[in-house]
């Protein structure tokens, strides 16, 4: 059984940015363990919505609400740092709007 947190072995195919999906309800990347969306996931999102930045924001808004619900379900007595959560889902697209998805560095 392959543990998704471990790097791919030489005989396994390389991972692509679209492999960086959220592990719910924790909202951590299934591949790298970073808060989701991680850098590779952000690049994949930018590429998939390059013709429609509005749809990117709407998509991220919906997922932000899902993440808030999931994380609140895990920790109902704690609001956590909502500014970090907001920045992770909605703050980064505007900062990277002028970059081409093929040349952009992974967002932090």
C-alpha atoms as a PDB file:
ATOM      1  CA  UNK A   1       0.000   0.000   0.000  1.00  0.00           C
ATOM      2  CA  UNK A   2       1.463   3.344  -1.053  1.00  0.00           C
ATOM      3  CA  UNK A   3       1.416   6.081   1.601  1.00  0.00           C
ATOM      4  CA  UNK A   4       0.495   9.332  -0.222  1.00  0.00           C
ATOM      5  CA  UNK A   5       2.663  11.317   2.191  1.00  0.00           C
ATOM      6  CA  UNK A   6       5.835   9.613   0.958  1.00  0.00           C
ATOM      7  CA  UNK A   7       7.677  10.579  -2.231  1.00  0.00           C
ATOM      8  CA  UNK A   8       6.994   8.430  -5.278  1.00  0.00           C
ATOM      9  CA  UNK A   9       9.367   5.518  -5.792  1.00  0.00           C
ATOM     10  CA  UNK A  10      11.477   5.329  -8.949  1.00  0.00           C
ATOM     11  CA  UNK A  11       9.089   2.827 -10.549  1.00  0.00           C
ATOM     12  CA  UNK A  12       6.020   5.009  -9.871  1.00  0.00           C
ATOM     13  CA  UNK A  13       4.886   7.848 -12.130  1.00  0.00           C
ATOM     14  CA  UNK A  14       5.769  11.378 -11.079  1.00  0.00           C
ATOM     15  CA  UNK A  15       3.051  13.307  -9.314  1.00  0.00           C
ATOM     16  CA  UNK A  16       1.311  16.155 -11.076  1.00  0.00           C
ATOM     17  CA  UNK A  17      -0.083  19.348  -9.526  1.00  0.00           C
ATOM     18  CA  UNK A  18      -3.591  17.924  -9.918  1.00  0.00           C
ATOM     19  CA  UNK A  19      -2.623  15.151  -7.475  1.00  0.00           C
ATOM     20  CA  UNK A  20      -2.440  17.787  -4.732  1.00  0.00           C
ATOM     21  CA  UNK A  21      -6.027  17.423  -3.523  1.00  0.00           C
ATOM     22  CA  UNK A  22      -7.408  18.270  -0.071  1.00  0.00           C
ATOM     23  CA  UNK A  23      -7.699  15.693   2.667  1.00  0.00           C
ATOM     24  CA  UNK A  24     -10.999  16.582   4.256  1.00  0.00           C
ATOM     25  CA  UNK A  25     -11.991  17.511   6.917  1.00  0.00           C
ATOM     26  CA  UNK A  26      -8.423  18.592   7.791  1.00  0.00           C
ATOM     27  CA  UNK A  27      -7.895  20.572   4.558  1.00  0.00           C
ATOM     28  CA  UNK A  28      -4.309  19.454   4.210  1.00  0.00           C
ATOM     29  CA  UNK A  29      -2.768  18.413   0.902  1.00  0.00           C
ATOM     30  CA  UNK A  30      -2.906  14.636   0.402  1.00  0.00           C
ATOM     31  CA  UNK A  31       0.567  14.680  -1.191  1.00  0.00           C
ATOM     32  CA  UNK A  32       2.715  17.240   0.636  1.00  0.00           C
ATOM     33  CA  UNK A  33       0.789  17.724   3.888  1.00  0.00           C
ATOM     34  CA  UNK A  34       0.732  21.525   3.554  1.00  0.00           C
ATOM     35  CA  UNK A  35      -2.433  23.530   4.201  1.00  0.00           C
ATOM     36  CA  UNK A  36      -4.599  23.202   1.112  1.00  0.00           C
ATOM     37  CA  UNK A  37      -4.501  24.692  -1.430  1.00  0.00           C
ATOM     38  CA  UNK A  38      -0.734  24.158  -1.431  1.00  0.00           C
ATOM     39  CA  UNK A  39       1.574  25.733  -4.025  1.00  0.00           C
ATOM     40  CA  UNK A  40       1.148  22.997  -6.674  1.00  0.00           C
ATOM     41  CA  UNK A  41      -2.642  23.001  -6.167  1.00  0.00           C
ATOM     42  CA  UNK A  42      -2.724  26.788  -6.612  1.00  0.00           C
ATOM     43  CA  UNK A  43      -0.770  26.500  -9.853  1.00  0.00           C
ATOM     44  CA  UNK A  44      -3.189  23.857 -11.112  1.00  0.00           C
ATOM     45  CA  UNK A  45      -6.148  26.060 -10.173  1.00  0.00           C
ATOM     46  CA  UNK A  46      -4.641  29.074 -11.919  1.00  0.00           C
ATOM     47  CA  UNK A  47      -4.041  27.001 -15.044  1.00  0.00           C
ATOM     48  CA  UNK A  48      -7.532  25.505 -15.043  1.00  0.00           C
ATOM     49  CA  UNK A  49      -9.213  28.913 -14.606  1.00  0.00           C
ATOM     50  CA  UNK A  50      -6.802  31.045 -16.658  1.00  0.00           C
ATOM     51  CA  UNK A  51      -9.600  32.257 -18.951  1.00  0.00           C
ATOM     52  CA  UNK A  52     -11.981  33.105 -16.119  1.00  0.00           C
ATOM     53  CA  UNK A  53     -10.529  34.649 -12.964  1.00  0.00           C
ATOM     54  CA  UNK A  54     -14.073  35.238 -11.695  1.00  0.00           C
ATOM     55  CA  UNK A  55     -14.861  31.517 -11.773  1.00  0.00           C
ATOM     56  CA  UNK A  56     -11.621  30.888  -9.860  1.00  0.00           C
ATOM     57  CA  UNK A  57     -12.737  33.245  -7.085  1.00  0.00           C
ATOM     58  CA  UNK A  58     -16.244  31.763  -6.991  1.00  0.00           C
ATOM     59  CA  UNK A  59     -14.857  28.221  -6.851  1.00  0.00           C
ATOM     60  CA  UNK A  60     -12.447  29.150  -4.054  1.00  0.00           C
ATOM     61  CA  UNK A  61     -15.224  30.954  -2.138  1.00  0.00           C
ATOM     62  CA  UNK A  62     -17.356  27.828  -2.109  1.00  0.00           C
ATOM     63  CA  UNK A  63     -14.444  25.712  -0.940  1.00  0.00           C
ATOM     64  CA  UNK A  64     -13.598  28.259   1.768  1.00  0.00           C
ATOM     65  CA  UNK A  65     -17.104  27.851   3.172  1.00  0.00           C
ATOM     66  CA  UNK A  66     -16.749  24.063   3.086  1.00  0.00           C
ATOM     67  CA  UNK A  67     -13.393  24.311   4.866  1.00  0.00           C
ATOM     68  CA  UNK A  68     -14.842  26.579   7.554  1.00  0.00           C
ATOM     69  CA  UNK A  69     -17.690  24.118   8.130  1.00  0.00           C
ATOM     70  CA  UNK A  70     -15.342  21.110   8.234  1.00  0.00           C
ATOM     71  CA  UNK A  71     -12.813  22.757  10.528  1.00  0.00           C
ATOM     72  CA  UNK A  72     -15.546  24.086  12.815  1.00  0.00           C
ATOM     73  CA  UNK A  73     -16.919  20.539  13.026  1.00  0.00           C
ATOM     74  CA  UNK A  74     -13.496  19.325  14.185  1.00  0.00           C
ATOM     75  CA  UNK A  75     -13.016  22.173  16.678  1.00  0.00           C
ATOM     76  CA  UNK A  76     -16.418  23.682  17.515  1.00  0.00           C
ATOM     77  CA  UNK A  77     -15.063  25.802  20.385  1.00  0.00           C
ATOM     78  CA  UNK A  78     -12.293  27.443  18.358  1.00  0.00           C
ATOM     79  CA  UNK A  79     -12.578  29.801  15.433  1.00  0.00           C
ATOM     80  CA  UNK A  80      -8.905  29.362  14.517  1.00  0.00           C
ATOM     81  CA  UNK A  81      -7.098  31.959  12.430  1.00  0.00           C
ATOM     82  CA  UNK A  82      -9.687  32.902   9.836  1.00  0.00           C
ATOM     83  CA  UNK A  83      -7.366  35.437   8.189  1.00  0.00           C
ATOM     84  CA  UNK A  84      -4.920  32.642   7.292  1.00  0.00           C
ATOM     85  CA  UNK A  85      -7.789  30.516   6.016  1.00  0.00           C
ATOM     86  CA  UNK A  86      -9.133  33.413   3.946  1.00  0.00           C
ATOM     87  CA  UNK A  87      -5.687  34.156   2.521  1.00  0.00           C
ATOM     88  CA  UNK A  88      -5.154  30.491   1.673  1.00  0.00           C
ATOM     89  CA  UNK A  89      -8.389  30.267  -0.308  1.00  0.00           C
ATOM     90  CA  UNK A  90      -9.112  33.758  -1.593  1.00  0.00           C
ATOM     91  CA  UNK A  91      -6.199  36.093  -0.962  1.00  0.00           C
ATOM     92  CA  UNK A  92      -3.656  34.590  -3.334  1.00  0.00           C
ATOM     93  CA  UNK A  93      -5.428  34.710  -6.737  1.00  0.00           C
ATOM     94  CA  UNK A  94      -5.340  38.507  -6.912  1.00  0.00           C
ATOM     95  CA  UNK A  95      -1.650  38.613  -6.054  1.00  0.00           C
ATOM     96  CA  UNK A  96      -0.849  36.269  -8.947  1.00  0.00           C
ATOM     97  CA  UNK A  97      -3.326  37.538 -11.536  1.00  0.00           C
ATOM     98  CA  UNK A  98      -0.707  39.158 -13.756  1.00  0.00           C
ATOM     99  CA  UNK A  99       1.482  36.068 -13.954  1.00  0.00           C
ATOM    100  CA  UNK A 100       1.179  33.401 -16.576  1.00  0.00           C
ATOM    101  CA  UNK A 101       0.348  29.982 -15.029  1.00  0.00           C
ATOM    102  CA  UNK A 102       3.223  28.407 -16.939  1.00  0.00           C
ATOM    103  CA  UNK A 103       5.799  30.854 -15.539  1.00  0.00           C
ATOM    104  CA  UNK A 104       4.383  31.603 -12.103  1.00  0.00           C
ATOM    105  CA  UNK A 105       6.218  30.320  -9.095  1.00  0.00           C
ATOM    106  CA  UNK A 106       4.145  28.302  -6.650  1.00  0.00           C
ATOM    107  CA  UNK A 107       2.269  30.731  -4.398  1.00  0.00           C
ATOM    108  CA  UNK A 108       3.299  30.638  -0.759  1.00  0.00           C
END
